[in-house]
Amino acid sequence: MPHRTAAPEPAHRSSRPVHWLATACALAAAVAAAGLLQPATAADPAAGAETRTAPGGAPAPQAAAPDAAAVAYPLDCKGAPVAVTATAQGDLDGDRRPETVAAVRCDAGSGTPPHALYVLTAGKEPGGGPRIVATLLEAAARTSADDLTVRDGTVTARLLGYSSPEVPRSSPDVRRLAKWRWTGGKFRQELTDISTGSV
């Protein structure tokens, strides 16, 4: 009867547990090393967008709009106090810092004192108070302003005026929609007549 030689067992069947343990440890070390060499990626899907951070890695706080109550306004109120009747905030010049538009008039206690509209920005020095950088409406125009807003870099207000000196100051008969936008290094005004008549 011919003598048969037994076929050798496959290598994986003859491996010892120690061999498998060594292989697993080597693989784990390689994966860990690869992870350390990978560049850090943002968890945000919109990676690549600029994110401002403060020291310590915390998000930088949004700049606050100037405080309209912290400004001395150039109004001659004949001894009466100055009143800020409305404010609106927004970035008007595209520098990513908000400005404040303030509607200001003398607090005469009676009648309808005219408004002035001022644009305020933060002080030049750190910790410095806000300052006036533009006058959109002079009090000398003898106009009242309401519905003051800032949207998409445009200042909008409704101006109430008078068609003649004979019109009572308490009953403005001219209404105009005014818009101001920072263009070419200055604020440009656009006026639209809304209606003429008693309001």
Protein backbone atom coordinates (compact mmCIF):
# COMPACT_ATOMS: atom_id res chain seq x y z
CA MET A 1 0.00 0.00 0.00
CA PRO A 2 1.52 3.36 -1.02
CA HIS A 3 2.61 5.56 1.82
CA ARG A 4 0.83 8.91 1.93
CA THR A 5 2.44 12.00 3.37
CA ALA A 6 0.09 14.19 5.38
CA ALA A 7 -0.43 17.65 3.89
CA PRO A 8 0.94 20.43 6.07
CA GLU A 9 -1.65 22.43 8.01
CA PRO A 10 -2.38 25.93 6.75
CA ALA A 11 -0.20 28.53 8.34
CA HIS A 12 -3.12 30.33 9.97
CA ARG A 13 -4.20 27.17 11.73
CA SER A 14 -0.76 26.63 13.20
CA SER A 15 -0.43 30.25 14.47
CA ARG A 16 -0.21 30.66 18.17
CA PRO A 17 -2.24 33.12 20.30
CA VAL A 18 0.93 35.06 21.04
CA HIS A 19 1.33 35.79 17.33
CA TRP A 20 -2.20 37.23 17.09
CA LEU A 21 -1.67 39.41 20.15
CA ALA A 22 1.51 40.89 18.73
CA THR A 23 -0.21 41.63 15.39
CA ALA A 24 -3.12 43.39 17.11
CA CYS A 25 -0.80 45.57 19.18
CA ALA A 26 1.20 46.60 16.11
CA LEU A 27 -1.96 47.50 14.19
CA ALA A 28 -3.32 49.59 17.08
CA ALA A 29 -0.04 51.50 17.33
CA ALA A 30 -0.07 52.24 13.59
CA VAL A 31 -3.65 53.57 13.70
CA ALA A 32 -2.85 55.82 16.68
CA ALA A 33 0.23 57.23 14.97
CA ALA A 34 -1.72 57.95 11.80
CA GLY A 35 -4.32 59.84 13.80
CA LEU A 36 -1.67 62.05 15.39
CA LEU A 37 -0.27 62.97 11.99
CA GLN A 38 -3.62 64.05 10.53
CA PRO A 39 -4.19 67.84 10.28
CA ALA A 40 -6.80 69.24 12.65
CA THR A 41 -10.14 69.78 10.96
CA ALA A 42 -13.07 71.92 12.04
CA ALA A 43 -16.08 70.11 13.38
CA ASP A 44 -18.23 72.64 11.58
CA PRO A 45 -19.20 71.52 8.06
CA ALA A 46 -18.49 75.06 6.90
CA ALA A 47 -14.79 74.70 7.59
CA GLY A 48 -12.75 77.43 6.02
CA ALA A 49 -15.10 80.23 7.07
CA GLU A 50 -13.43 82.84 9.20
CA THR A 51 -14.19 82.49 12.90
CA ARG A 52 -12.98 85.13 15.29
CA THR A 53 -11.82 83.83 18.65
CA ALA A 54 -10.79 85.56 21.84
CA PRO A 55 -7.69 84.56 23.86
CA GLY A 56 -8.23 81.09 25.28
CA GLY A 57 -10.15 79.84 22.26
CA ALA A 58 -13.56 81.27 23.20
CA PRO A 59 -15.63 82.97 20.45
CA ALA A 60 -14.94 86.69 20.25
CA PRO A 61 -17.83 88.81 21.54
CA GLN A 62 -19.87 90.76 19.01
CA ALA A 63 -18.96 94.45 19.03
CA ALA A 64 -21.56 96.54 20.83
CA ALA A 65 -23.24 99.44 19.07
CA PRO A 66 -22.38 102.89 20.47
CA ASP A 67 -24.55 104.09 23.35
CA ALA A 68 -26.59 107.09 22.20
CA ALA A 69 -26.99 108.28 25.79
CA ALA A 70 -23.21 108.70 26.19
CA VAL A 71 -22.81 111.48 23.60
CA ALA A 72 -22.95 115.28 23.95
CA TYR A 73 -25.01 116.50 20.98
CA PRO A 74 -24.40 119.89 19.33
CA LEU A 75 -27.95 121.20 19.81
CA ASP A 76 -28.71 124.67 21.17
CA CYS A 77 -31.71 123.96 23.38
CA LYS A 78 -31.68 127.30 25.23
CA GLY A 79 -31.21 125.57 28.56
CA ALA A 80 -33.66 122.74 27.93
CA PRO A 81 -32.36 119.16 28.11
CA VAL A 82 -31.56 117.11 25.03
CA ALA A 83 -33.72 114.04 24.39
CA VAL A 84 -32.82 110.96 22.33
CA THR A 85 -36.22 109.84 21.02
CA ALA A 86 -35.19 106.88 18.83
CA THR A 87 -32.13 104.85 17.86
CA ALA A 88 -31.30 102.23 15.25
CA GLN A 89 -28.15 100.12 14.92
CA GLY A 90 -26.36 98.44 12.05
CA ASP A 91 -23.13 98.26 10.05
CA LEU A 92 -23.34 101.25 7.72
CA ASP A 93 -19.83 101.34 6.21
CA GLY A 94 -19.06 97.64 5.85
CA ASP A 95 -16.36 97.43 8.55
CA ARG A 96 -18.25 94.71 10.48
CA ARG A 97 -18.77 97.04 13.44
CA PRO A 98 -22.21 98.46 14.15
CA GLU A 99 -22.95 102.17 14.15
CA THR A 100 -25.85 103.84 15.94
CA VAL A 101 -28.18 106.36 14.34
CA ALA A 102 -29.80 108.63 16.94
CA ALA A 103 -32.85 110.85 16.53
CA VAL A 104 -32.29 113.77 18.90
CA ARG A 105 -34.24 116.94 19.76
CA CYS A 106 -34.64 119.48 22.51
CA ASP A 107 -36.94 118.36 25.29
CA ALA A 108 -38.97 121.56 25.34
CA GLY A 109 -41.95 120.08 27.15
CA SER A 110 -44.46 121.45 24.64
CA GLY A 111 -44.85 121.83 20.90
CA THR A 112 -42.97 119.70 18.37
CA PRO A 113 -39.25 120.51 18.47
CA PRO A 114 -37.41 119.51 15.27
CA HIS A 115 -35.16 116.47 15.14
CA ALA A 116 -31.55 116.06 14.18
CA LEU A 117 -30.21 112.68 13.07
CA TYR A 118 -26.64 111.73 13.99
CA VAL A 119 -24.47 108.73 13.14
CA LEU A 120 -22.37 107.50 16.05
CA THR A 121 -19.36 105.21 16.04
CA ALA A 122 -17.12 103.77 18.73
CA GLY A 123 -14.29 105.87 20.10
CA LYS A 124 -10.88 105.72 18.46
CA GLU A 125 -9.08 104.78 21.67
CA PRO A 126 -9.81 101.54 23.56
CA GLY A 127 -12.42 102.29 26.17
CA GLY A 128 -13.15 105.69 24.62
CA GLY A 129 -16.73 106.92 24.41
CA PRO A 130 -18.77 107.04 21.21
CA ARG A 131 -18.49 110.01 18.88
CA ILE A 132 -20.53 111.68 16.16
CA VAL A 133 -19.16 110.99 12.67
CA ALA A 134 -22.00 112.32 10.49
CA THR A 135 -25.14 114.44 10.63
CA LEU A 136 -27.92 113.10 8.42
CA LEU A 137 -30.53 115.70 9.32
CA GLU A 138 -29.96 119.17 10.80
CA ALA A 139 -32.36 120.55 13.38
CA ALA A 140 -32.40 123.73 11.28
CA ALA A 141 -34.48 121.85 8.68
CA ARG A 142 -37.35 122.08 11.21
CA THR A 143 -38.43 118.52 10.50
CA SER A 144 -39.56 115.73 12.80
CA ALA A 145 -38.39 112.17 12.21
CA ASP A 146 -40.05 108.88 13.09
CA ASP A 147 -39.98 105.21 11.98
CA LEU A 148 -36.17 105.23 12.19
CA THR A 149 -34.61 101.96 11.00
CA VAL A 150 -31.30 100.55 9.77
CA ARG A 151 -31.48 97.60 7.39
CA ASP A 152 -28.90 96.23 4.94
CA GLY A 153 -26.66 99.27 5.47
CA THR A 154 -29.44 101.78 4.72
CA VAL A 155 -30.87 104.29 7.19
CA THR A 156 -34.57 104.99 6.68
CA ALA A 157 -36.83 107.52 8.41
CA ARG A 158 -40.14 109.24 7.77
CA LEU A 159 -39.77 113.01 7.86
CA LEU A 160 -42.66 115.25 8.83
CA GLY A 161 -42.47 118.87 7.75
CA TYR A 162 -44.45 121.94 6.77
CA SER A 163 -45.41 123.39 3.43
CA SER A 164 -45.34 126.99 4.72
CA PRO A 165 -44.64 128.97 7.91
CA GLU A 166 -48.40 129.42 8.37
CA VAL A 167 -48.94 125.69 9.02
CA PRO A 168 -49.26 125.05 12.78
CA ARG A 169 -46.19 123.34 14.24
CA SER A 170 -48.44 120.72 15.79
CA SER A 171 -49.87 119.68 12.39
CA PRO A 172 -47.12 118.88 9.85
CA ASP A 173 -48.61 118.62 6.38
CA VAL A 174 -45.66 117.24 4.39
CA ARG A 175 -44.43 113.66 4.65
CA ARG A 176 -41.33 112.33 2.98
CA LEU A 177 -39.50 109.01 3.13
CA ALA A 178 -35.77 109.58 3.54
CA LYS A 179 -33.03 107.04 2.94
CA TRP A 180 -29.31 107.44 3.53
CA ARG A 181 -26.61 105.05 2.35
CA TRP A 182 -22.83 105.22 2.71
CA THR A 183 -21.48 105.55 -0.85
CA GLY A 184 -18.19 106.95 -2.11
CA GLY A 185 -16.99 107.95 1.33
CA LYS A 186 -20.10 109.85 2.43
CA PHE A 187 -23.80 109.43 3.16
CA ARG A 188 -26.02 110.07 0.18
CA GLN A 189 -29.67 110.97 0.75
CA GLU A 190 -32.70 109.91 -1.26
CA LEU A 191 -36.04 111.66 -0.61
CA THR A 192 -39.45 110.43 -1.74
CA ASP A 193 -42.66 112.42 -1.24
CA ILE A 194 -45.22 110.20 0.45
CA SER A 195 -48.17 112.54 0.60
CA THR A 196 -49.24 116.09 1.29
CA GLY A 197 -51.96 116.72 3.79
CA SER A 198 -52.73 116.53 7.44
CA VAL A 199 -51.18 113.52 9.27
